Amino acid sequence: MTLHEALKAAAVEAAAALALPLGWEGQVFTPPAGSHLRGRIVYEDEKAAACGGNAPTRIDGSLEITAVTLAGSGDRDAVALARRAAAFFPRGRGVDCDSEEGSGEAVFAAPAVLAVKSDGARMHATARMSFYAIIFR
């Protein structure tokens, strides 16, 4: 399972535990009438983690899960849902990956819930779980 697949699987597990549908960026998703989650992975940097030809690679990024609720339910519901999703990714949690690209682990930093946004019909609160991954090739 690649790093991307392992992070996505962790988000899918969190959504299943919350009993909410999860739409993934870049995939077709018809939002339900009620609350749901949206996920994406943002890669920020990739560099050698040490000197040498066989040095592991360090990848920095974040897993973002956006909680979406109906606008009439209030912004606290969206924030509470985002916090519940973030609770599945506590600081120090590791996610293993192993594929043809190499094997390694992504480790999460403390999650943060960003400001609530509204599109008129729905409220959106995003939980951002920063991570760094060390991949041995």
C-alpha atoms as a PDB file:
ATOM      1  CA  MET A   1       0.000   0.000   0.000  1.00  0.00           C
ATOM      2  CA  THR A   2       1.536   3.337  -1.043  1.00  0.00           C
ATOM      3  CA  LEU A   3       1.744   6.289   1.335  1.00  0.00           C
ATOM      4  CA  HIS A   4      -1.232   7.902  -0.398  1.00  0.00           C
ATOM      5  CA  GLU A   5      -3.303   4.712  -0.165  1.00  0.00           C
ATOM      6  CA  ALA A   6      -2.395   4.210   3.517  1.00  0.00           C
ATOM      7  CA  LEU A   7      -3.385   7.773   4.442  1.00  0.00           C
ATOM      8  CA  LYS A   8      -6.608   7.499   2.481  1.00  0.00           C
ATOM      9  CA  ALA A   9      -7.414   4.167   4.166  1.00  0.00           C
ATOM     10  CA  ALA A  10      -6.945   5.805   7.577  1.00  0.00           C
ATOM     11  CA  ALA A  11      -9.416   8.550   6.582  1.00  0.00           C
ATOM     12  CA  VAL A  12     -11.904   5.946   5.313  1.00  0.00           C
ATOM     13  CA  GLU A  13     -11.650   4.088   8.645  1.00  0.00           C
ATOM     14  CA  ALA A  14     -12.325   7.312  10.567  1.00  0.00           C
ATOM     15  CA  ALA A  15     -15.372   8.085   8.400  1.00  0.00           C
ATOM     16  CA  ALA A  16     -16.699   4.550   8.888  1.00  0.00           C
ATOM     17  CA  ALA A  17     -16.278   4.827  12.662  1.00  0.00           C
ATOM     18  CA  LEU A  18     -18.225   8.109  12.560  1.00  0.00           C
ATOM     19  CA  ALA A  19     -20.838   6.454  10.302  1.00  0.00           C
ATOM     20  CA  LEU A  20     -20.557   9.259   7.736  1.00  0.00           C
ATOM     21  CA  PRO A  21     -20.027   9.151   3.972  1.00  0.00           C
ATOM     22  CA  LEU A  22     -16.620  10.356   2.784  1.00  0.00           C
ATOM     23  CA  GLY A  23     -16.072  12.078  -0.537  1.00  0.00           C
ATOM     24  CA  TRP A  24     -12.500  12.088  -1.789  1.00  0.00           C
ATOM     25  CA  GLU A  25     -10.952  14.909  -3.793  1.00  0.00           C
ATOM     26  CA  GLY A  26     -10.693  13.973  -7.459  1.00  0.00           C
ATOM     27  CA  GLN A  27     -13.338  11.255  -7.263  1.00  0.00           C
ATOM     28  CA  VAL A  28     -17.002  11.483  -8.177  1.00  0.00           C
ATOM     29  CA  PHE A  29     -19.116  12.015  -5.053  1.00  0.00           C
ATOM     30  CA  THR A  30     -22.760  12.988  -4.751  1.00  0.00           C
ATOM     31  CA  PRO A  31     -23.141  14.672  -1.368  1.00  0.00           C
ATOM     32  CA  PRO A  32     -26.000  13.385   0.776  1.00  0.00           C
ATOM     33  CA  ALA A  33     -28.685  15.700   2.120  1.00  0.00           C
ATOM     34  CA  GLY A  34     -27.162  15.545   5.620  1.00  0.00           C
ATOM     35  CA  SER A  35     -23.734  15.672   7.184  1.00  0.00           C
ATOM     36  CA  HIS A  36     -20.746  14.120   5.457  1.00  0.00           C
ATOM     37  CA  LEU A  37     -16.963  14.333   5.207  1.00  0.00           C
ATOM     38  CA  ARG A  38     -14.606  15.294   2.418  1.00  0.00           C
ATOM     39  CA  GLY A  39     -10.971  14.222   2.360  1.00  0.00           C
ATOM     40  CA  ARG A  40      -7.768  15.128   0.605  1.00  0.00           C
ATOM     41  CA  ILE A  41      -4.024  14.782   1.017  1.00  0.00           C
ATOM     42  CA  VAL A  42      -1.757  17.767   0.477  1.00  0.00           C
ATOM     43  CA  TYR A  43       1.939  17.074  -0.144  1.00  0.00           C
ATOM     44  CA  GLU A  44       4.164  19.989   0.783  1.00  0.00           C
ATOM     45  CA  ASP A  45       7.776  18.877   0.506  1.00  0.00           C
ATOM     46  CA  GLU A  46       9.905  15.880  -0.412  1.00  0.00           C
ATOM     47  CA  LYS A  47      13.623  15.674   0.269  1.00  0.00           C
ATOM     48  CA  ALA A  48      16.400  13.312   1.270  1.00  0.00           C
ATOM     49  CA  ALA A  49      16.219  12.571   4.992  1.00  0.00           C
ATOM     50  CA  ALA A  50      19.997  11.945   5.210  1.00  0.00           C
ATOM     51  CA  CYS A  51      23.138  12.070   3.107  1.00  0.00           C
ATOM     52  CA  GLY A  52      24.123   9.276   0.777  1.00  0.00           C
ATOM     53  CA  GLY A  53      22.881   7.433  -2.266  1.00  0.00           C
ATOM     54  CA  ASN A  54      20.565   5.118  -0.337  1.00  0.00           C
ATOM     55  CA  ALA A  55      19.184   7.773   1.994  1.00  0.00           C
ATOM     56  CA  PRO A  56      15.506   7.556   2.918  1.00  0.00           C
ATOM     57  CA  THR A  57      13.086  10.174   1.643  1.00  0.00           C
ATOM     58  CA  ARG A  58      11.185  12.514   3.946  1.00  0.00           C
ATOM     59  CA  ILE A  59       7.755  13.639   2.760  1.00  0.00           C
ATOM     60  CA  ASP A  60       5.894  16.414   4.587  1.00  0.00           C
ATOM     61  CA  GLY A  61       2.208  17.056   4.088  1.00  0.00           C
ATOM     62  CA  SER A  62      -1.215  17.009   5.652  1.00  0.00           C
ATOM     63  CA  LEU A  63      -4.338  14.908   5.630  1.00  0.00           C
ATOM     64  CA  GLU A  64      -7.373  17.182   5.553  1.00  0.00           C
ATOM     65  CA  ILE A  65     -10.861  16.042   6.470  1.00  0.00           C
ATOM     66  CA  THR A  66     -13.620  18.599   6.048  1.00  0.00           C
ATOM     67  CA  ALA A  67     -16.814  18.133   8.043  1.00  0.00           C
ATOM     68  CA  VAL A  68     -19.855  19.380   6.122  1.00  0.00           C
ATOM     69  CA  THR A  69     -23.171  20.071   7.863  1.00  0.00           C
ATOM     70  CA  LEU A  70     -26.333  21.898   6.874  1.00  0.00           C
ATOM     71  CA  ALA A  71     -26.133  25.663   7.405  1.00  0.00           C
ATOM     72  CA  GLY A  72     -29.167  25.743   9.713  1.00  0.00           C
ATOM     73  CA  SER A  73     -27.487  23.381  12.167  1.00  0.00           C
ATOM     74  CA  GLY A  74     -24.955  26.010  13.253  1.00  0.00           C
ATOM     75  CA  ASP A  75     -21.213  26.248  12.893  1.00  0.00           C
ATOM     76  CA  ARG A  76     -20.598  24.467  16.214  1.00  0.00           C
ATOM     77  CA  ASP A  77     -21.900  21.223  14.709  1.00  0.00           C
ATOM     78  CA  ALA A  78     -19.371  21.403  11.874  1.00  0.00           C
ATOM     79  CA  VAL A  79     -16.528  22.175  14.285  1.00  0.00           C
ATOM     80  CA  ALA A  80     -17.581  19.376  16.653  1.00  0.00           C
ATOM     81  CA  LEU A  81     -17.698  16.916  13.762  1.00  0.00           C
ATOM     82  CA  ALA A  82     -14.268  18.056  12.512  1.00  0.00           C
ATOM     83  CA  ARG A  83     -12.865  17.575  16.029  1.00  0.00           C
ATOM     84  CA  ARG A  84     -14.347  14.074  16.194  1.00  0.00           C
ATOM     85  CA  ALA A  85     -12.648  13.234  12.883  1.00  0.00           C
ATOM     86  CA  ALA A  86      -9.345  14.750  14.080  1.00  0.00           C
ATOM     87  CA  ALA A  87      -9.461  12.622  17.228  1.00  0.00           C
ATOM     88  CA  PHE A  88      -8.669   9.570  15.074  1.00  0.00           C
ATOM     89  CA  PHE A  89      -5.275  11.124  14.248  1.00  0.00           C
ATOM     90  CA  PRO A  90      -3.642  12.036  17.563  1.00  0.00           C
ATOM     91  CA  ARG A  91      -0.121  13.429  17.713  1.00  0.00           C
ATOM     92  CA  GLY A  92       2.344  10.583  17.297  1.00  0.00           C
ATOM     93  CA  ARG A  93       0.007   8.150  15.533  1.00  0.00           C
ATOM     94  CA  GLY A  94       1.842   6.273  12.819  1.00  0.00           C
ATOM     95  CA  VAL A  95       0.509   4.880   9.554  1.00  0.00           C
ATOM     96  CA  ASP A  96       2.642   2.213   7.876  1.00  0.00           C
ATOM     97  CA  CYS A  97       3.068   1.954   4.132  1.00  0.00           C
ATOM     98  CA  ASP A  98       4.819  -0.637   2.025  1.00  0.00           C
ATOM     99  CA  SER A  99       4.899  -0.740  -1.771  1.00  0.00           C
ATOM    100  CA  GLU A 100       7.211  -0.948  -4.755  1.00  0.00           C
ATOM    101  CA  GLU A 101       8.160   2.675  -4.007  1.00  0.00           C
ATOM    102  CA  GLY A 102       9.540   1.577  -0.640  1.00  0.00           C
ATOM    103  CA  SER A 103       8.398   1.053   2.897  1.00  0.00           C
ATOM    104  CA  GLY A 104       8.036   3.526   5.712  1.00  0.00           C
ATOM    105  CA  GLU A 105       5.766   5.289   8.122  1.00  0.00           C
ATOM    106  CA  ALA A 106       3.870   8.556   8.288  1.00  0.00           C
ATOM    107  CA  VAL A 107       3.640  10.140  11.743  1.00  0.00           C
ATOM    108  CA  PHE A 108       1.023  12.764  12.575  1.00  0.00           C
ATOM    109  CA  ALA A 109       1.581  16.040  14.403  1.00  0.00           C
ATOM    110  CA  ALA A 110      -1.129  17.531  16.620  1.00  0.00           C
ATOM    111  CA  PRO A 111      -4.324  18.061  14.591  1.00  0.00           C
ATOM    112  CA  ALA A 112      -5.815  21.506  14.096  1.00  0.00           C
ATOM    113  CA  VAL A 113      -9.367  22.530  13.223  1.00  0.00           C
ATOM    114  CA  LEU A 114      -9.462  25.494  10.868  1.00  0.00           C
ATOM    115  CA  ALA A 115     -12.029  28.286  10.732  1.00  0.00           C
ATOM    116  CA  VAL A 116     -15.589  27.473   9.721  1.00  0.00           C
ATOM    117  CA  LYS A 117     -16.716  28.528   6.257  1.00  0.00           C
ATOM    118  CA  SER A 118     -20.168  28.669   4.750  1.00  0.00           C
ATOM    119  CA  ASP A 119     -21.339  28.353   1.156  1.00  0.00           C
ATOM    120  CA  GLY A 120     -24.856  29.458   2.055  1.00  0.00           C
ATOM    121  CA  ALA A 121     -26.404  26.000   2.264  1.00  0.00           C
ATOM    122  CA  ARG A 122     -23.689  24.172   4.212  1.00  0.00           C
ATOM    123  CA  MET A 123     -21.080  24.791   6.882  1.00  0.00           C
ATOM    124  CA  HIS A 124     -17.536  23.491   6.365  1.00  0.00           C
ATOM    125  CA  ALA A 125     -14.933  22.937   9.122  1.00  0.00           C
ATOM    126  CA  THR A 126     -11.610  21.391   8.148  1.00  0.00           C
ATOM    127  CA  ALA A 127      -9.433  19.267  10.412  1.00  0.00           C
ATOM    128  CA  ARG A 128      -5.815  19.379   9.262  1.00  0.00           C
ATOM    129  CA  MET A 129      -3.520  16.610  10.401  1.00  0.00           C
ATOM    130  CA  SER A 130       0.056  17.440   9.429  1.00  0.00           C
ATOM    131  CA  PHE A 131       2.393  14.497   8.955  1.00  0.00           C
ATOM    132  CA  TYR A 132       5.903  13.626   7.976  1.00  0.00           C
ATOM    133  CA  ALA A 133       6.760  10.320   6.376  1.00  0.00           C
ATOM    134  CA  ILE A 134      10.082   8.575   6.109  1.00  0.00           C
ATOM    135  CA  ILE A 135      10.215   6.207   3.132  1.00  0.00           C
ATOM    136  CA  PHE A 136      13.059   3.727   2.694  1.00  0.00           C
ATOM    137  CA  ARG A 137      13.607   2.832  -0.961  1.00  0.00           C
END
